[in-house]
Amino acid sequence: MDETTESTPARPLLRVVRGDATPEEVAAVVALFAALRSTEPPARRPAPVWGANHRRVRQALPHGPGGWRSSALPR
């Protein structure tokens, strides 16, 4: 460590601006913030299917006799 870092005091991470917080109350708030901090990145959500590119491409309509009837059937 440098001599400059040892001689300068570290700034507090939390400071009570108003009110009379007891050391126990400050410790409870610090423990809460420490518990909320996550060490691993959040899980990726899968992309929704309704916005997929393959749904934007239109399929060809069936031709020939009965084509209009088979156009409504699922493929």
PDB file of N, CA and C in Angstrom:
ATOM      1  N   MET A   1       0.827  -1.181   0.000  1.00  0.00           N
ATOM      2  CA  MET A   1       0.000   0.000   0.000  1.00  0.00           C
ATOM      3  C   MET A   1       0.872   1.244   0.000  1.00  0.00           C
ATOM      4  N   ASP A   2       0.349   2.284  -0.579  1.00  0.00           N
ATOM      5  CA  ASP A   2       1.056   3.553  -0.585  1.00  0.00           C
ATOM      6  C   ASP A   2       0.923   4.236   0.771  1.00  0.00           C
ATOM      7  N   GLU A   3       1.837   5.142   1.003  1.00  0.00           N
ATOM      8  CA  GLU A   3       1.753   5.929   2.230  1.00  0.00           C
ATOM      9  C   GLU A   3       0.576   6.900   2.175  1.00  0.00           C
ATOM     10  N   THR A   4       0.203   7.331   0.960  1.00  0.00           N
ATOM     11  CA  THR A   4      -0.896   8.291   0.836  1.00  0.00           C
ATOM     12  C   THR A   4      -2.237   7.659   1.180  1.00  0.00           C
ATOM     13  N   THR A   5      -2.425   6.392   0.837  1.00  0.00           N
ATOM     14  CA  THR A   5      -3.699   5.747   1.147  1.00  0.00           C
ATOM     15  C   THR A   5      -3.824   5.417   2.622  1.00  0.00           C
ATOM     16  N   GLU A   6      -2.698   5.183   3.292  1.00  0.00           N
ATOM     17  CA  GLU A   6      -2.739   4.893   4.713  1.00  0.00           C
ATOM     18  C   GLU A   6      -2.979   6.137   5.541  1.00  0.00           C
ATOM     19  N   SER A   7      -2.532   7.286   5.069  1.00  0.00           N
ATOM     20  CA  SER A   7      -2.649   8.509   5.866  1.00  0.00           C
ATOM     21  C   SER A   7      -4.018   9.173   5.706  1.00  0.00           C
ATOM     22  N   THR A   8      -4.688   8.965   4.556  1.00  0.00           N
ATOM     23  CA  THR A   8      -5.998   9.591   4.359  1.00  0.00           C
ATOM     24  C   THR A   8      -7.091   8.653   4.863  1.00  0.00           C
ATOM     25  N   PRO A   9      -8.014   9.179   5.670  1.00  0.00           N
ATOM     26  CA  PRO A   9      -9.093   8.314   6.155  1.00  0.00           C
ATOM     27  C   PRO A   9     -10.078   8.000   5.024  1.00  0.00           C
ATOM     28  N   ALA A  10     -10.652   6.835   5.082  1.00  0.00           N
ATOM     29  CA  ALA A  10     -11.615   6.418   4.063  1.00  0.00           C
ATOM     30  C   ALA A  10     -12.950   7.108   4.311  1.00  0.00           C
ATOM     31  N   ARG A  11     -13.619   7.489   3.235  1.00  0.00           N
ATOM     32  CA  ARG A  11     -14.938   8.109   3.365  1.00  0.00           C
ATOM     33  C   ARG A  11     -15.952   7.054   3.755  1.00  0.00           C
ATOM     34  N   PRO A  12     -16.886   7.386   4.609  1.00  0.00           N
ATOM     35  CA  PRO A  12     -17.904   6.399   4.980  1.00  0.00           C
ATOM     36  C   PRO A  12     -18.865   6.151   3.818  1.00  0.00           C
ATOM     37  N   LEU A  13     -19.313   4.921   3.696  1.00  0.00           N
ATOM     38  CA  LEU A  13     -20.251   4.580   2.634  1.00  0.00           C
ATOM     39  C   LEU A  13     -21.656   5.056   2.948  1.00  0.00           C
ATOM     40  N   LEU A  14     -21.973   5.196   4.225  1.00  0.00           N
ATOM     41  CA  LEU A  14     -23.305   5.587   4.651  1.00  0.00           C
ATOM     42  C   LEU A  14     -23.166   6.655   5.721  1.00  0.00           C
ATOM     43  N   ARG A  15     -23.974   7.705   5.581  1.00  0.00           N
ATOM     44  CA  ARG A  15     -23.917   8.785   6.559  1.00  0.00           C
ATOM     45  C   ARG A  15     -25.337   9.157   6.948  1.00  0.00           C
ATOM     46  N   VAL A  16     -25.609   9.275   8.233  1.00  0.00           N
ATOM     47  CA  VAL A  16     -26.915   9.668   8.730  1.00  0.00           C
ATOM     48  C   VAL A  16     -26.954  11.190   8.732  1.00  0.00           C
ATOM     49  N   VAL A  17     -27.881  11.753   7.933  1.00  0.00           N
ATOM     50  CA  VAL A  17     -27.957  13.202   7.807  1.00  0.00           C
ATOM     51  C   VAL A  17     -28.852  13.795   8.881  1.00  0.00           C
ATOM     52  N   ARG A  18     -29.989  13.164   9.131  1.00  0.00           N
ATOM     53  CA  ARG A  18     -30.917  13.661  10.140  1.00  0.00           C
ATOM     54  C   ARG A  18     -31.339  12.523  11.054  1.00  0.00           C
ATOM     55  N   GLY A  19     -31.742  12.882  12.235  1.00  0.00           N
ATOM     56  CA  GLY A  19     -32.240  11.880  13.171  1.00  0.00           C
ATOM     57  C   GLY A  19     -31.128  11.302  14.014  1.00  0.00           C
ATOM     58  N   ASP A  20     -31.517  10.529  14.967  1.00  0.00           N
ATOM     59  CA  ASP A  20     -30.567   9.876  15.857  1.00  0.00           C
ATOM     60  C   ASP A  20     -30.631   8.381  15.638  1.00  0.00           C
ATOM     61  N   ALA A  21     -29.807   7.898  14.748  1.00  0.00           N
ATOM     62  CA  ALA A  21     -29.776   6.466  14.463  1.00  0.00           C
ATOM     63  C   ALA A  21     -28.796   5.800  15.421  1.00  0.00           C
ATOM     64  N   THR A  22     -29.242   4.730  16.010  1.00  0.00           N
ATOM     65  CA  THR A  22     -28.364   3.969  16.887  1.00  0.00           C
ATOM     66  C   THR A  22     -27.431   3.123  16.040  1.00  0.00           C
ATOM     67  N   PRO A  23     -26.341   2.689  16.596  1.00  0.00           N
ATOM     68  CA  PRO A  23     -25.442   1.822  15.819  1.00  0.00           C
ATOM     69  C   PRO A  23     -26.122   0.537  15.342  1.00  0.00           C
ATOM     70  N   GLU A  24     -27.093   0.034  16.100  1.00  0.00           N
ATOM     71  CA  GLU A  24     -27.809  -1.172  15.689  1.00  0.00           C
ATOM     72  C   GLU A  24     -28.682  -0.898  14.458  1.00  0.00           C
ATOM     73  N   GLU A  25     -29.317   0.277  14.434  1.00  0.00           N
ATOM     74  CA  GLU A  25     -30.147   0.631  13.283  1.00  0.00           C
ATOM     75  C   GLU A  25     -29.310   0.817  12.024  1.00  0.00           C
ATOM     76  N   VAL A  26     -28.174   1.447  12.169  1.00  0.00           N
ATOM     77  CA  VAL A  26     -27.285   1.632  11.017  1.00  0.00           C
ATOM     78  C   VAL A  26     -26.770   0.267  10.544  1.00  0.00           C
ATOM     79  N   ALA A  27     -26.456  -0.618  11.472  1.00  0.00           N
ATOM     80  CA  ALA A  27     -25.994  -1.953  11.091  1.00  0.00           C
ATOM     81  C   ALA A  27     -27.091  -2.720  10.368  1.00  0.00           C
ATOM     82  N   ALA A  28     -28.344  -2.531  10.774  1.00  0.00           N
ATOM     83  CA  ALA A  28     -29.450  -3.207  10.097  1.00  0.00           C
ATOM     84  C   ALA A  28     -29.601  -2.711   8.666  1.00  0.00           C
ATOM     85  N   VAL A  29     -29.453  -1.420   8.451  1.00  0.00           N
ATOM     86  CA  VAL A  29     -29.562  -0.865   7.099  1.00  0.00           C
ATOM     87  C   VAL A  29     -28.402  -1.344   6.228  1.00  0.00           C
ATOM     88  N   VAL A  30     -27.215  -1.365   6.778  1.00  0.00           N
ATOM     89  CA  VAL A  30     -26.048  -1.836   6.025  1.00  0.00           C
ATOM     90  C   VAL A  30     -26.206  -3.317   5.682  1.00  0.00           C
ATOM     91  N   ALA A  31     -26.711  -4.109   6.624  1.00  0.00           N
ATOM     92  CA  ALA A  31     -26.929  -5.533   6.350  1.00  0.00           C
ATOM     93  C   ALA A  31     -27.978  -5.723   5.258  1.00  0.00           C
ATOM     94  N   LEU A  32     -28.993  -4.887   5.247  1.00  0.00           N
ATOM     95  CA  LEU A  32     -30.020  -4.971   4.211  1.00  0.00           C
ATOM     96  C   LEU A  32     -29.439  -4.671   2.838  1.00  0.00           C
ATOM     97  N   PHE A  33     -28.639  -3.614   2.730  1.00  0.00           N
ATOM     98  CA  PHE A  33     -28.022  -3.286   1.444  1.00  0.00           C
ATOM     99  C   PHE A  33     -27.043  -4.365   1.008  1.00  0.00           C
ATOM    100  N   ALA A  34     -26.326  -4.948   1.934  1.00  0.00           N
ATOM    101  CA  ALA A  34     -25.380  -6.009   1.586  1.00  0.00           C
ATOM    102  C   ALA A  34     -26.115  -7.255   1.100  1.00  0.00           C
ATOM    103  N   ALA A  35     -27.288  -7.527   1.681  1.00  0.00           N
ATOM    104  CA  ALA A  35     -28.056  -8.695   1.247  1.00  0.00           C
ATOM    105  C   ALA A  35     -28.678  -8.483  -0.125  1.00  0.00           C
ATOM    106  N   LEU A  36     -29.011  -7.257  -0.457  1.00  0.00           N
ATOM    107  CA  LEU A  36     -29.621  -6.974  -1.757  1.00  0.00           C
ATOM    108  C   LEU A  36     -28.613  -7.034  -2.897  1.00  0.00           C
ATOM    109  N   ARG A  37     -27.349  -6.847  -2.597  1.00  0.00           N
ATOM    110  CA  ARG A  37     -26.325  -6.870  -3.632  1.00  0.00           C
ATOM    111  C   ARG A  37     -26.147  -8.288  -4.144  1.00  0.00           C
ATOM    112  N   SER A  38     -26.218  -8.460  -5.436  1.00  0.00           N
ATOM    113  CA  SER A  38     -26.098  -9.781  -6.046  1.00  0.00           C
ATOM    114  C   SER A  38     -24.702  -9.936  -6.616  1.00  0.00           C
ATOM    115  N   THR A  39     -24.119 -11.107  -6.452  1.00  0.00           N
ATOM    116  CA  THR A  39     -22.773 -11.350  -6.964  1.00  0.00           C
ATOM    117  C   THR A  39     -22.796 -11.942  -8.367  1.00  0.00           C
ATOM    118  N   GLU A  40     -23.915 -12.517  -8.784  1.00  0.00           N
ATOM    119  CA  GLU A  40     -23.991 -13.108 -10.113  1.00  0.00           C
ATOM    120  C   GLU A  40     -24.938 -12.289 -10.988  1.00  0.00           C
ATOM    121  N   PRO A  41     -24.698 -12.265 -12.296  1.00  0.00           N
ATOM    122  CA  PRO A  41     -25.577 -11.486 -13.173  1.00  0.00           C
ATOM    123  C   PRO A  41     -26.970 -12.106 -13.239  1.00  0.00           C
ATOM    124  N   PRO A  42     -27.970 -11.299 -13.532  1.00  0.00           N
ATOM    125  CA  PRO A  42     -29.328 -11.859 -13.621  1.00  0.00           C
ATOM    126  C   PRO A  42     -29.445 -12.809 -14.810  1.00  0.00           C
ATOM    127  N   ALA A  43     -30.320 -13.781 -14.679  1.00  0.00           N
ATOM    128  CA  ALA A  43     -30.504 -14.780 -15.738  1.00  0.00           C
ATOM    129  C   ALA A  43     -31.151 -14.130 -16.960  1.00  0.00           C
ATOM    130  N   ARG A  44     -30.707 -14.570 -18.141  1.00  0.00           N
ATOM    131  CA  ARG A  44     -31.289 -14.042 -19.381  1.00  0.00           C
ATOM    132  C   ARG A  44     -32.637 -14.667 -19.626  1.00  0.00           C
ATOM    133  N   ARG A  45     -33.580 -13.837 -19.992  1.00  0.00           N
ATOM    134  CA  ARG A  45     -34.901 -14.338 -20.333  1.00  0.00           C
ATOM    135  C   ARG A  45     -34.901 -14.764 -21.792  1.00  0.00           C
ATOM    136  N   PRO A  46     -35.600 -15.843 -22.116  1.00  0.00           N
ATOM    137  CA  PRO A  46     -35.679 -16.245 -23.524  1.00  0.00           C
ATOM    138  C   PRO A  46     -36.482 -15.212 -24.323  1.00  0.00           C
ATOM    139  N   ALA A  47     -36.122 -15.069 -25.569  1.00  0.00           N
ATOM    140  CA  ALA A  47     -36.817 -14.123 -26.437  1.00  0.00           C
ATOM    141  C   ALA A  47     -38.245 -14.601 -26.684  1.00  0.00           C
ATOM    142  N   PRO A  48     -39.201 -13.702 -26.690  1.00  0.00           N
ATOM    143  CA  PRO A  48     -40.579 -14.134 -26.935  1.00  0.00           C
ATOM    144  C   PRO A  48     -40.746 -14.633 -28.370  1.00  0.00           C
ATOM    145  N   VAL A  49     -41.574 -15.645 -28.517  1.00  0.00           N
ATOM    146  CA  VAL A  49     -41.753 -16.280 -29.828  1.00  0.00           C
ATOM    147  C   VAL A  49     -42.564 -15.383 -30.757  1.00  0.00           C
ATOM    148  N   TRP A  50     -43.472 -14.579 -30.211  1.00  0.00           N
ATOM    149  CA  TRP A  50     -44.340 -13.780 -31.076  1.00  0.00           C
ATOM    150  C   TRP A  50     -43.563 -12.752 -31.881  1.00  0.00           C
ATOM    151  N   GLY A  51     -42.367 -12.376 -31.474  1.00  0.00           N
ATOM    152  CA  GLY A  51     -41.577 -11.401 -32.214  1.00  0.00           C
ATOM    153  C   GLY A  51     -40.481 -12.027 -33.051  1.00  0.00           C
ATOM    154  N   ALA A  52     -40.499 -13.340 -33.211  1.00  0.00           N
ATOM    155  CA  ALA A  52     -39.456 -14.022 -33.966  1.00  0.00           C
ATOM    156  C   ALA A  52     -39.544 -13.673 -35.452  1.00  0.00           C
ATOM    157  N   ASN A  53     -38.389 -13.684 -36.104  1.00  0.00           N
ATOM    158  CA  ASN A  53     -38.333 -13.317 -37.522  1.00  0.00           C
ATOM    159  C   ASN A  53     -39.069 -14.311 -38.415  1.00  0.00           C
ATOM    160  N   HIS A  54     -39.092 -15.589 -38.042  1.00  0.00           N
ATOM    161  CA  HIS A  54     -39.731 -16.567 -38.916  1.00  0.00           C
ATOM    162  C   HIS A  54     -41.245 -16.362 -38.982  1.00  0.00           C
ATOM    163  N   ARG A  55     -41.809 -15.648 -38.027  1.00  0.00           N
ATOM    164  CA  ARG A  55     -43.251 -15.391 -38.072  1.00  0.00           C
ATOM    165  C   ARG A  55     -43.598 -14.244 -39.023  1.00  0.00           C
ATOM    166  N   ARG A  56     -42.618 -13.456 -39.407  1.00  0.00           N
ATOM    167  CA  ARG A  56     -42.866 -12.323 -40.309  1.00  0.00           C
ATOM    168  C   ARG A  56     -42.906 -12.747 -41.772  1.00  0.00           C
ATOM    169  N   VAL A  57     -42.344 -13.889 -42.071  1.00  0.00           N
ATOM    170  CA  VAL A  57     -42.301 -14.377 -43.445  1.00  0.00           C
ATOM    171  C   VAL A  57     -43.620 -15.079 -43.742  1.00  0.00           C
ATOM    172  N   ARG A  58     -44.272 -14.660 -44.790  1.00  0.00           N
ATOM    173  CA  ARG A  58     -45.569 -15.233 -45.138  1.00  0.00           C
ATOM    174  C   ARG A  58     -45.377 -16.431 -46.057  1.00  0.00           C
ATOM    175  N   GLN A  59     -46.113 -17.487 -45.773  1.00  0.00           N
ATOM    176  CA  GLN A  59     -46.033 -18.674 -46.603  1.00  0.00           C
ATOM    177  C   GLN A  59     -46.926 -18.507 -47.830  1.00  0.00           C
ATOM    178  N   ALA A  60     -46.592 -19.238 -48.888  1.00  0.00           N
ATOM    179  CA  ALA A  60     -47.375 -19.172 -50.123  1.00  0.00           C
ATOM    180  C   ALA A  60     -48.739 -19.812 -49.903  1.00  0.00           C
ATOM    181  N   LEU A  61     -49.757 -19.228 -50.513  1.00  0.00           N
ATOM    182  CA  LEU A  61     -51.102 -19.776 -50.423  1.00  0.00           C
ATOM    183  C   LEU A  61     -51.220 -21.001 -51.335  1.00  0.00           C
ATOM    184  N   PRO A  62     -52.002 -21.999 -50.930  1.00  0.00           N
ATOM    185  CA  PRO A  62     -52.142 -23.196 -51.768  1.00  0.00           C
ATOM    186  C   PRO A  62     -52.904 -22.879 -53.056  1.00  0.00           C
ATOM    187  N   HIS A  63     -52.523 -23.554 -54.142  1.00  0.00           N
ATOM    188  CA  HIS A  63     -53.155 -23.358 -55.449  1.00  0.00           C
ATOM    189  C   HIS A  63     -53.997 -24.568 -55.809  1.00  0.00           C
ATOM    190  N   GLY A  64     -54.850 -24.385 -56.766  1.00  0.00           N
ATOM    191  CA  GLY A  64     -55.609 -25.507 -57.310  1.00  0.00           C
ATOM    192  C   GLY A  64     -56.962 -25.674 -56.640  1.00  0.00           C
ATOM    193  N   PRO A  65     -57.672 -26.730 -57.068  1.00  0.00           N
ATOM    194  CA  PRO A  65     -58.997 -26.985 -56.511  1.00  0.00           C
ATOM    195  C   PRO A  65     -58.910 -27.274 -55.008  1.00  0.00           C
ATOM    196  N   GLY A  66     -59.772 -26.652 -54.243  1.00  0.00           N
ATOM    197  CA  GLY A  66     -59.782 -26.833 -52.791  1.00  0.00           C
ATOM    198  C   GLY A  66     -58.713 -26.045 -52.066  1.00  0.00           C
ATOM    199  N   GLY A  67     -58.012 -25.193 -52.785  1.00  0.00           N
ATOM    200  CA  GLY A  67     -56.943 -24.406 -52.161  1.00  0.00           C
ATOM    201  C   GLY A  67     -57.464 -23.437 -51.130  1.00  0.00           C
ATOM    202  N   TRP A  68     -58.639 -22.840 -51.418  1.00  0.00           N
ATOM    203  CA  TRP A  68     -59.204 -21.888 -50.462  1.00  0.00           C
ATOM    204  C   TRP A  68     -59.614 -22.599 -49.179  1.00  0.00           C
ATOM    205  N   ARG A  69     -60.035 -23.862 -49.301  1.00  0.00           N
ATOM    206  CA  ARG A  69     -60.442 -24.622 -48.122  1.00  0.00           C
ATOM    207  C   ARG A  69     -59.233 -25.020 -47.277  1.00  0.00           C
ATOM    208  N   SER A  70     -58.151 -25.421 -47.916  1.00  0.00           N
ATOM    209  CA  SER A  70     -56.964 -25.849 -47.177  1.00  0.00           C
ATOM    210  C   SER A  70     -56.142 -24.669 -46.669  1.00  0.00           C
ATOM    211  N   SER A  71     -56.480 -23.446 -47.096  1.00  0.00           N
ATOM    212  CA  SER A  71     -55.703 -22.293 -46.609  1.00  0.00           C
ATOM    213  C   SER A  71     -55.966 -22.005 -45.144  1.00  0.00           C
ATOM    214  N   ALA A  72     -57.094 -22.445 -44.609  1.00  0.00           N
ATOM    215  CA  ALA A  72     -57.406 -22.198 -43.224  1.00  0.00           C
ATOM    216  C   ALA A  72     -56.954 -23.307 -42.307  1.00  0.00           C
ATOM    217  N   LEU A  73     -56.488 -24.421 -42.859  1.00  0.00           N
ATOM    218  CA  LEU A  73     -56.074 -25.537 -42.043  1.00  0.00           C
ATOM    219  C   LEU A  73     -54.669 -25.293 -41.477  1.00  0.00           C
ATOM    220  N   PRO A  74     -54.411 -25.758 -40.269  1.00  0.00           N
ATOM    221  CA  PRO A  74     -53.053 -25.601 -39.730  1.00  0.00           C
ATOM    222  C   PRO A  74     -52.055 -26.457 -40.478  1.00  0.00           C
ATOM    223  N   ARG A  75     -50.844 -25.994 -40.523  1.00  0.00           N
ATOM    224  CA  ARG A  75     -49.793 -26.737 -41.247  1.00  0.00           C
ATOM    225  C   ARG A  75     -48.946 -27.494 -40.312  1.00  0.00           C
TER     226      ARG A  75
END
